[in-house]
N, C-alpha and C. Protein backbone atom coordinates (compact mmCIF):
# COMPACT_ATOMS: atom_id res chain seq x y z
N UNK A 1 45.28 -11.23 1.70
CA UNK A 1 44.30 -10.14 1.37
C UNK A 1 44.47 -9.41 0.16
N UNK A 2 43.83 -8.73 -0.85
CA UNK A 2 44.02 -8.44 -1.84
C UNK A 2 44.60 -6.79 -1.80
N UNK A 3 45.29 -6.15 -2.50
CA UNK A 3 45.56 -4.80 -2.21
C UNK A 3 44.40 -4.02 -2.75
N UNK A 4 43.39 -4.60 -2.97
CA UNK A 4 42.11 -3.70 -3.55
C UNK A 4 40.94 -3.93 -2.65
N UNK A 5 41.28 -4.67 -1.61
CA UNK A 5 40.19 -5.01 -0.41
C UNK A 5 39.51 -3.63 -0.09
N UNK A 6 40.10 -2.49 0.25
CA UNK A 6 39.67 -1.52 0.78
C UNK A 6 39.19 -0.40 -0.34
N UNK A 7 39.49 -0.62 -1.49
CA UNK A 7 38.83 0.28 -2.76
C UNK A 7 37.28 0.24 -2.50
N UNK A 8 36.50 1.34 -2.26
CA UNK A 8 35.15 1.26 -2.04
C UNK A 8 34.25 1.93 -3.33
N UNK A 9 33.77 0.49 -3.69
CA UNK A 9 32.82 0.83 -4.83
C UNK A 9 31.82 1.99 -4.98
N UNK A 10 31.60 2.51 -3.61
CA UNK A 10 30.59 3.68 -3.71
C UNK A 10 31.32 5.15 -4.24
N UNK A 11 32.67 4.95 -4.40
CA UNK A 11 33.28 6.00 -4.76
C UNK A 11 34.32 5.73 -6.28
N UNK A 12 33.54 4.86 -6.73
CA UNK A 12 34.39 4.73 -8.11
C UNK A 12 33.84 5.58 -9.24
N UNK A 13 33.02 6.22 -9.11
CA UNK A 13 32.67 7.72 -10.04
C UNK A 13 33.22 8.93 -9.60
N UNK A 14 33.71 9.69 -11.11
CA UNK A 14 34.26 10.78 -10.66
C UNK A 14 33.79 11.80 -9.85
N UNK A 15 32.30 11.85 -10.08
CA UNK A 15 31.35 12.68 -9.50
C UNK A 15 31.09 12.49 -7.95
N UNK A 16 31.10 11.24 -7.44
CA UNK A 16 31.03 10.77 -6.35
C UNK A 16 32.30 10.96 -5.47
N UNK A 17 33.47 10.71 -6.13
CA UNK A 17 34.60 10.88 -5.62
C UNK A 17 35.01 12.40 -5.23
N UNK A 18 34.27 13.28 -6.27
CA UNK A 18 34.45 14.80 -6.05
C UNK A 18 33.51 15.26 -4.97
N UNK A 19 32.35 14.84 -5.00
CA UNK A 19 31.43 15.07 -3.65
C UNK A 19 32.11 15.03 -2.58
N UNK A 20 32.73 13.72 -2.23
CA UNK A 20 33.37 13.42 -1.01
C UNK A 20 34.60 14.23 -0.81
N UNK A 21 35.32 14.63 -2.09
CA UNK A 21 36.68 15.42 -1.63
C UNK A 21 36.44 16.95 -1.00
N UNK A 22 34.93 17.15 -1.85
CA UNK A 22 34.71 18.65 -1.41
C UNK A 22 34.36 18.67 0.07
N UNK A 23 33.54 17.66 0.07
CA UNK A 23 32.56 17.54 1.68
C UNK A 23 33.77 17.22 2.70
N UNK A 24 35.03 16.66 2.28
CA UNK A 24 35.79 16.24 3.54
C UNK A 24 36.80 17.71 3.85
N UNK A 25 36.75 18.63 3.15
CA UNK A 25 37.40 19.76 3.64
C UNK A 25 36.57 20.92 3.63
N UNK A 26 35.21 20.60 3.57
CA UNK A 26 34.23 21.83 3.77
C UNK A 26 33.33 21.13 4.75
N UNK A 27 32.79 22.09 6.07
CA UNK A 27 31.53 21.47 6.79
C UNK A 27 30.39 21.01 5.75
N UNK A 28 30.19 22.12 4.84
CA UNK A 28 28.94 21.56 4.01
C UNK A 28 29.04 22.25 2.41
N UNK A 29 28.33 21.69 1.54
CA UNK A 29 28.28 22.49 0.48
C UNK A 29 26.96 22.45 -0.36
N UNK A 30 26.60 23.44 -0.92
CA UNK A 30 25.20 23.50 -1.62
C UNK A 30 25.23 22.95 -3.00
N UNK A 31 24.09 22.43 -3.28
CA UNK A 31 24.08 21.66 -4.67
C UNK A 31 24.62 22.58 -5.71
N UNK A 32 24.47 23.96 -5.70
CA UNK A 32 25.00 24.85 -6.86
C UNK A 32 26.51 24.69 -6.92
N UNK A 33 26.85 24.80 -5.78
CA UNK A 33 28.56 24.99 -5.47
C UNK A 33 29.10 23.61 -5.96
N UNK A 34 28.35 22.41 -5.28
CA UNK A 34 29.00 21.44 -6.31
C UNK A 34 29.13 21.45 -7.46
N UNK A 35 27.85 21.48 -7.98
CA UNK A 35 27.63 21.45 -9.56
C UNK A 35 28.75 22.30 -10.27
N UNK A 36 28.97 23.58 -9.64
CA UNK A 36 30.17 24.42 -10.07
C UNK A 36 31.42 23.66 -10.40
N UNK A 37 31.85 23.33 -9.07
CA UNK A 37 33.01 22.61 -8.79
C UNK A 37 33.29 21.60 -9.62
N UNK A 38 32.23 20.56 -9.93
CA UNK A 38 32.28 19.31 -10.62
C UNK A 38 32.02 19.49 -11.86
N UNK A 39 31.50 20.52 -12.44
CA UNK A 39 31.01 20.42 -13.77
C UNK A 39 29.90 19.55 -14.30
N UNK A 40 29.04 19.26 -13.18
CA UNK A 40 27.93 18.15 -13.41
C UNK A 40 26.65 18.73 -13.69
N UNK A 41 25.82 17.91 -14.34
CA UNK A 41 24.43 18.37 -14.88
C UNK A 41 23.81 18.26 -13.49
N UNK A 42 22.52 18.87 -13.35
CA UNK A 42 21.60 18.86 -12.49
C UNK A 42 21.29 17.26 -12.15
N UNK A 43 20.95 16.44 -13.15
CA UNK A 43 20.58 15.27 -12.77
C UNK A 43 21.59 14.23 -12.50
N UNK A 44 22.73 14.42 -12.88
CA UNK A 44 23.85 13.66 -12.64
C UNK A 44 24.29 13.85 -11.37
N UNK A 45 24.56 15.06 -10.99
CA UNK A 45 24.77 15.54 -9.63
C UNK A 45 23.95 14.90 -8.43
N UNK A 46 22.34 15.16 -8.86
CA UNK A 46 21.61 14.47 -7.76
C UNK A 46 21.55 12.87 -7.88
N UNK A 47 21.70 12.48 -8.89
CA UNK A 47 21.99 10.85 -8.69
C UNK A 47 22.99 10.25 -8.04
N UNK A 48 24.00 11.09 -8.23
CA UNK A 48 25.48 10.59 -7.40
C UNK A 48 25.22 10.65 -6.12
N UNK A 49 24.42 12.07 -5.79
CA UNK A 49 24.31 12.49 -4.07
C UNK A 49 23.40 11.34 -3.31
N UNK A 50 22.46 10.82 -4.02
CA UNK A 50 21.51 9.99 -3.61
C UNK A 50 22.22 8.90 -3.46
N UNK A 51 23.11 8.23 -4.31
CA UNK A 51 23.89 7.19 -4.01
C UNK A 51 24.62 7.01 -2.83
N UNK A 52 25.14 8.31 -2.75
CA UNK A 52 26.26 8.52 -1.51
C UNK A 52 25.36 8.59 -0.37
N UNK A 53 24.07 9.25 -0.49
CA UNK A 53 23.17 9.39 0.78
C UNK A 53 22.59 7.90 1.21
N UNK A 54 22.37 7.13 0.23
CA UNK A 54 21.73 5.61 0.26
C UNK A 54 22.75 4.83 1.43
N UNK A 55 24.13 5.20 1.14
CA UNK A 55 25.09 4.48 1.88
C UNK A 55 25.32 5.15 3.10
N UNK A 56 24.61 6.45 3.33
CA UNK A 56 24.91 6.93 4.76
C UNK A 56 26.12 7.55 4.63
N UNK A 57 26.73 7.85 3.77
CA UNK A 57 28.10 8.88 3.57
C UNK A 57 27.78 10.31 3.64
N UNK A 58 26.57 10.63 3.28
CA UNK A 58 26.21 12.15 3.08
C UNK A 58 24.96 12.20 3.80
N UNK A 59 24.72 13.64 4.25
CA UNK A 59 23.57 13.96 4.60
C UNK A 59 22.83 15.10 3.88
N UNK A 60 21.64 14.93 3.38
CA UNK A 60 21.03 16.06 2.62
C UNK A 60 20.19 16.66 3.42
N UNK A 61 20.24 18.27 3.25
CA UNK A 61 19.45 19.07 4.13
C UNK A 61 18.66 20.07 3.16
N UNK A 62 17.54 19.93 3.01
CA UNK A 62 16.68 20.82 2.13
C UNK A 62 15.90 21.92 2.94
N UNK A 63 16.18 23.33 2.47
CA UNK A 63 15.58 24.32 3.09
C UNK A 63 15.19 25.49 2.20
N UNK A 64 14.66 26.37 2.73
CA UNK A 64 14.32 27.67 1.56
C UNK A 64 15.11 28.76 2.01
N UNK A 65 15.77 29.46 1.31
CA UNK A 65 16.23 30.83 1.39
C UNK A 65 15.66 31.67 0.83
N UNK A 66 14.82 32.77 1.36
CA UNK A 66 13.71 33.38 0.72
C UNK A 66 12.88 32.38 -0.07
N UNK A 67 12.64 32.64 -0.98
CA UNK A 67 11.61 31.50 -1.81
C UNK A 67 12.28 30.42 -2.52
N UNK A 68 13.61 30.57 -2.47
CA UNK A 68 14.14 29.67 -3.47
C UNK A 68 14.86 28.41 -2.42
N UNK A 69 14.47 27.19 -3.17
CA UNK A 69 15.09 26.00 -2.62
C UNK A 69 16.27 25.93 -2.50
N UNK A 70 16.93 25.37 -1.10
CA UNK A 70 18.51 25.33 -1.06
C UNK A 70 18.60 23.77 -0.52
N UNK A 71 19.43 22.90 -1.36
CA UNK A 71 20.03 21.91 -0.70
C UNK A 71 21.45 21.72 -0.34
N UNK A 72 21.63 21.64 0.90
CA UNK A 72 22.89 21.63 1.43
C UNK A 72 23.50 19.92 1.64
N UNK A 73 24.66 19.66 1.73
CA UNK A 73 25.22 18.46 1.63
C UNK A 73 26.28 18.21 2.52
N UNK A 74 26.63 17.40 3.62
CA UNK A 74 27.63 17.26 4.20
C UNK A 74 28.19 15.84 4.47
N UNK A 75 29.14 15.48 4.90
CA UNK A 75 29.59 14.43 5.06
C UNK A 75 29.47 13.76 6.22
N UNK A 76 28.89 12.40 6.48
CA UNK A 76 28.63 11.87 7.54
C UNK A 76 29.98 11.20 8.20
N UNK A 77 30.14 10.94 9.61
CA UNK A 77 31.31 10.28 10.36
C UNK A 77 31.77 9.18 9.33
N UNK A 78 30.85 8.30 9.43
CA UNK A 78 30.59 6.97 8.59
C UNK A 78 31.51 7.35 7.17
N UNK A 79 30.78 8.63 6.48
CA UNK A 79 31.05 8.69 5.08
C UNK A 79 32.68 9.14 5.03
N UNK A 80 33.18 10.06 6.10
CA UNK A 80 34.26 10.49 5.96
C UNK A 80 35.39 9.29 6.77
N UNK A 81 35.03 8.24 7.29
CA UNK A 81 35.75 7.20 7.51
C UNK A 81 35.96 6.21 6.65
N UNK A 82 34.94 6.05 5.71
CA UNK A 82 34.89 5.17 4.32
C UNK A 82 35.58 5.76 3.51
N UNK A 83 35.62 7.11 3.14
CA UNK A 83 36.32 7.50 2.06
C UNK A 83 37.91 7.79 2.48
N UNK A 84 38.20 8.08 3.85
CA UNK A 84 39.70 7.97 4.27
C UNK A 84 40.05 6.66 3.80
N UNK A 85 39.40 5.66 4.45
CA UNK A 85 40.03 4.14 4.07
C UNK A 85 40.22 3.91 2.80
N UNK A 86 39.20 4.62 1.83
CA UNK A 86 39.29 4.30 0.24
C UNK A 86 40.57 4.91 -0.28
N UNK A 87 40.75 6.25 0.17
CA UNK A 87 42.09 6.89 0.05
C UNK A 87 43.28 6.28 0.38
N UNK A 88 43.24 5.87 1.57
CA UNK A 88 44.35 5.09 2.08
C UNK A 88 44.97 3.57 1.12
N UNK A 89 43.67 3.05 0.69
CA UNK A 89 43.84 2.10 -0.09
C UNK A 89 44.40 2.43 -1.46
N UNK A 90 44.00 3.32 -2.08
CA UNK A 90 44.47 3.81 -3.40
C UNK A 90 45.90 4.14 -3.38
N UNK A 91 46.25 4.82 -2.03
CA UNK A 91 47.70 5.21 -1.77
C UNK A 91 48.42 4.06 -1.71
N UNK A 92 48.24 3.25 -1.02
CA UNK A 92 48.67 1.79 -1.03
C UNK A 92 49.05 1.13 -2.27
N UNK A 93 48.02 1.23 -3.13
CA UNK A 93 47.88 0.56 -4.38
C UNK A 93 49.08 1.22 -5.25
N UNK A 94 49.02 2.71 -5.06
CA UNK A 94 50.30 3.40 -6.10
C UNK A 94 51.47 2.97 -5.62
N UNK A 95 51.67 2.89 -4.52
CA UNK A 95 52.86 2.59 -3.82
C UNK A 95 53.29 1.07 -4.29
N UNK A 96 52.60 0.12 -4.59
CA UNK A 96 52.95 -1.27 -5.06
C UNK A 96 53.91 -1.30 -6.09
């Protein structure tokens, strides 16, 4: 078995890696918070979030707070497990 078998392609971009890292330690984060923490543009963040949502790694919840739209993201149990497996694989790779 290859040492990179458990490295997950879904997390190969720094924005996706960042989104998952933030959601692993927070119950949720809204769009503006993720954008601020990751230094991403609106379009960049939205497209990477969509890629993670398509894998069922995150859940997107849209609501209005007053008159302003608010988009909230949280990691799914599947996403958390996949990310942990990915990080474990990276750690093993670094120890080689």
